[in-house]
Amino acid sequence: MADQIVAQARDEAPNECCGMIGGRDGEATSLYPARNADASPLRYTVDPQDQFRIMEQIDERDEELAAIYHSHTASPAEPSQTDINLARGWPDPLYVIVSVADPDSPQLRAFRITEGAVEEADIDVG
């Protein structure tokens, strides 16, 4: 899954990519790439139609929304203030960020963002 996220980030650069990860029992089971409705190198919004479709697929597969992912094209894999603000609407999933600022050495990290507090999480997205 990590390779797919990195490939999507590289393909969509210079804009940020985004998507969702479905899971069961704390384990990632499905990757759902989405369109960045902002088409921006500085921010992302999961396209509302993609978000609706993905949430339906997650429900149909008896998964839960395990993570929301996006890329940073020119900065480290750390939540920006914009990312922290966006997380207020989705406090439960992890936030996976892949940095392709150095395209030869992508960096992938995950965070739990709750009420503005950021805590790095250990993940295995294979």
Protein backbone atom coordinates (compact mmCIF):
# COMPACT_ATOMS: atom_id res chain seq x y z
CA MET A 1 0.00 0.00 0.00
CA ALA A 2 2.84 2.40 0.80
CA ASP A 3 4.25 1.94 -2.71
CA GLN A 4 0.84 2.80 -4.22
CA ILE A 5 0.56 5.97 -2.11
CA VAL A 6 4.08 7.06 -3.09
CA ALA A 7 3.35 6.34 -6.77
CA GLN A 8 0.15 8.39 -6.63
CA ALA A 9 2.02 11.26 -4.93
CA ARG A 10 4.67 11.24 -7.64
CA ASP A 11 2.08 10.99 -10.43
CA GLU A 12 0.01 13.92 -9.15
CA ALA A 13 2.94 16.22 -8.31
CA PRO A 14 3.27 19.16 -8.28
CA ASN A 15 -0.24 18.99 -6.74
CA GLU A 16 -0.96 17.15 -3.52
CA CYS A 17 -2.63 13.76 -3.87
CA CYS A 18 -5.19 12.34 -1.46
CA GLY A 19 -7.29 9.32 -0.64
CA MET A 20 -8.63 7.09 2.09
CA ILE A 21 -7.66 3.77 3.61
CA GLY A 22 -10.22 1.23 4.75
CA GLY A 23 -9.47 -1.19 7.53
CA ARG A 24 -10.66 -3.82 9.95
CA ASP A 25 -9.55 -4.38 13.53
CA GLY A 26 -6.83 -1.75 13.27
CA GLU A 27 -5.35 -3.22 10.09
CA ALA A 28 -5.32 -1.47 6.71
CA THR A 29 -7.20 -3.57 4.14
CA SER A 30 -8.02 -1.32 1.16
CA LEU A 31 -6.62 1.75 -0.53
CA TYR A 32 -9.03 4.25 -2.11
CA PRO A 33 -7.29 6.94 -4.19
CA ALA A 34 -9.32 10.13 -4.62
CA ARG A 35 -9.12 13.32 -6.62
CA ASN A 36 -7.83 16.45 -4.93
CA ALA A 37 -10.71 18.86 -5.57
CA ASP A 38 -8.35 21.78 -4.87
CA ALA A 39 -5.83 20.65 -7.53
CA SER A 40 -3.22 22.52 -5.49
CA PRO A 41 0.39 21.98 -4.45
CA LEU A 42 -0.42 23.55 -1.06
CA ARG A 43 -3.61 21.85 0.13
CA TYR A 44 -6.06 19.09 -0.54
CA THR A 45 -9.76 18.43 -0.33
CA VAL A 46 -11.00 14.92 -1.06
CA ASP A 47 -13.40 15.39 -3.98
CA PRO A 48 -16.92 15.18 -2.47
CA GLN A 49 -18.15 12.68 -5.09
CA ASP A 50 -15.11 10.48 -4.47
CA GLN A 51 -15.60 10.77 -0.72
CA PHE A 52 -19.23 9.63 -1.03
CA ARG A 53 -18.29 6.73 -3.33
CA ILE A 54 -15.40 5.64 -1.10
CA MET A 55 -17.48 5.73 2.08
CA GLU A 56 -20.12 3.58 0.36
CA GLN A 57 -17.44 1.07 -0.71
CA ILE A 58 -15.99 1.01 2.81
CA ASP A 59 -19.47 0.27 4.22
CA GLU A 60 -20.16 -2.41 1.58
CA ARG A 61 -16.90 -4.16 2.48
CA ASP A 62 -17.62 -3.98 6.24
CA GLU A 63 -14.54 -1.85 6.73
CA GLU A 64 -14.04 1.29 8.74
CA LEU A 65 -12.31 4.48 7.68
CA ALA A 66 -8.86 3.73 9.06
CA ALA A 67 -6.91 6.64 7.57
CA ILE A 68 -6.97 9.64 5.31
CA TYR A 69 -3.80 10.18 3.32
CA HIS A 70 -2.30 13.00 1.31
CA SER A 71 1.06 14.15 0.03
CA HIS A 72 3.34 17.06 0.71
CA THR A 73 5.25 17.95 -2.42
CA ALA A 74 7.71 20.48 -0.99
CA SER A 75 7.68 19.95 2.78
CA PRO A 76 8.32 17.15 5.29
CA ALA A 77 5.79 14.44 6.17
CA GLU A 78 4.43 16.39 9.13
CA PRO A 79 0.96 17.88 9.60
CA SER A 80 0.73 21.52 8.62
CA GLN A 81 -1.61 23.85 10.47
CA THR A 82 -4.02 23.45 7.54
CA ASP A 83 -3.90 19.66 8.02
CA ILE A 84 -4.58 20.06 11.74
CA ASN A 85 -7.53 22.34 11.02
CA LEU A 86 -8.99 19.89 8.46
CA ALA A 87 -8.74 17.04 10.98
CA ARG A 88 -11.30 18.71 13.24
CA GLY A 89 -14.05 17.28 11.05
CA TRP A 90 -12.59 13.74 11.12
CA PRO A 91 -11.13 13.03 14.59
CA ASP A 92 -11.10 9.21 14.41
CA PRO A 93 -8.97 8.15 11.42
CA LEU A 94 -5.21 8.33 11.26
CA TYR A 95 -3.64 10.88 8.94
CA VAL A 96 -0.98 9.44 6.66
CA ILE A 97 1.31 11.96 5.00
CA VAL A 98 3.82 11.13 2.30
CA SER A 99 6.48 13.69 1.46
CA VAL A 100 7.92 13.62 -2.02
CA ALA A 101 9.95 16.79 -1.48
CA ASP A 102 12.96 14.55 -2.17
CA PRO A 103 11.55 12.35 -4.95
CA ASP A 104 14.36 9.81 -4.56
CA SER A 105 13.66 9.34 -0.84
CA PRO A 106 9.94 9.62 -0.10
CA GLN A 107 8.97 9.82 3.56
CA LEU A 108 5.71 8.29 4.87
CA ARG A 109 4.46 8.94 8.41
CA ALA A 110 1.13 8.67 10.25
CA PHE A 111 -0.42 10.85 12.90
CA ARG A 112 -3.42 10.91 15.18
CA ILE A 113 -4.83 14.45 15.28
CA THR A 114 -7.37 15.03 18.04
CA GLU A 115 -8.67 18.48 19.01
CA GLY A 116 -5.57 20.11 17.54
CA ALA A 117 -3.12 17.80 19.31
CA VAL A 118 -0.77 15.83 17.04
CA GLU A 119 0.72 12.48 18.01
CA GLU A 120 2.79 10.31 15.69
CA ALA A 121 1.43 6.79 15.22
CA ASP A 122 3.19 3.57 14.31
CA ILE A 123 1.78 2.06 11.13
CA ASP A 124 2.48 -0.73 8.74
CA VAL A 125 0.96 0.05 5.36
CA GLY A 126 2.97 -2.60 3.56
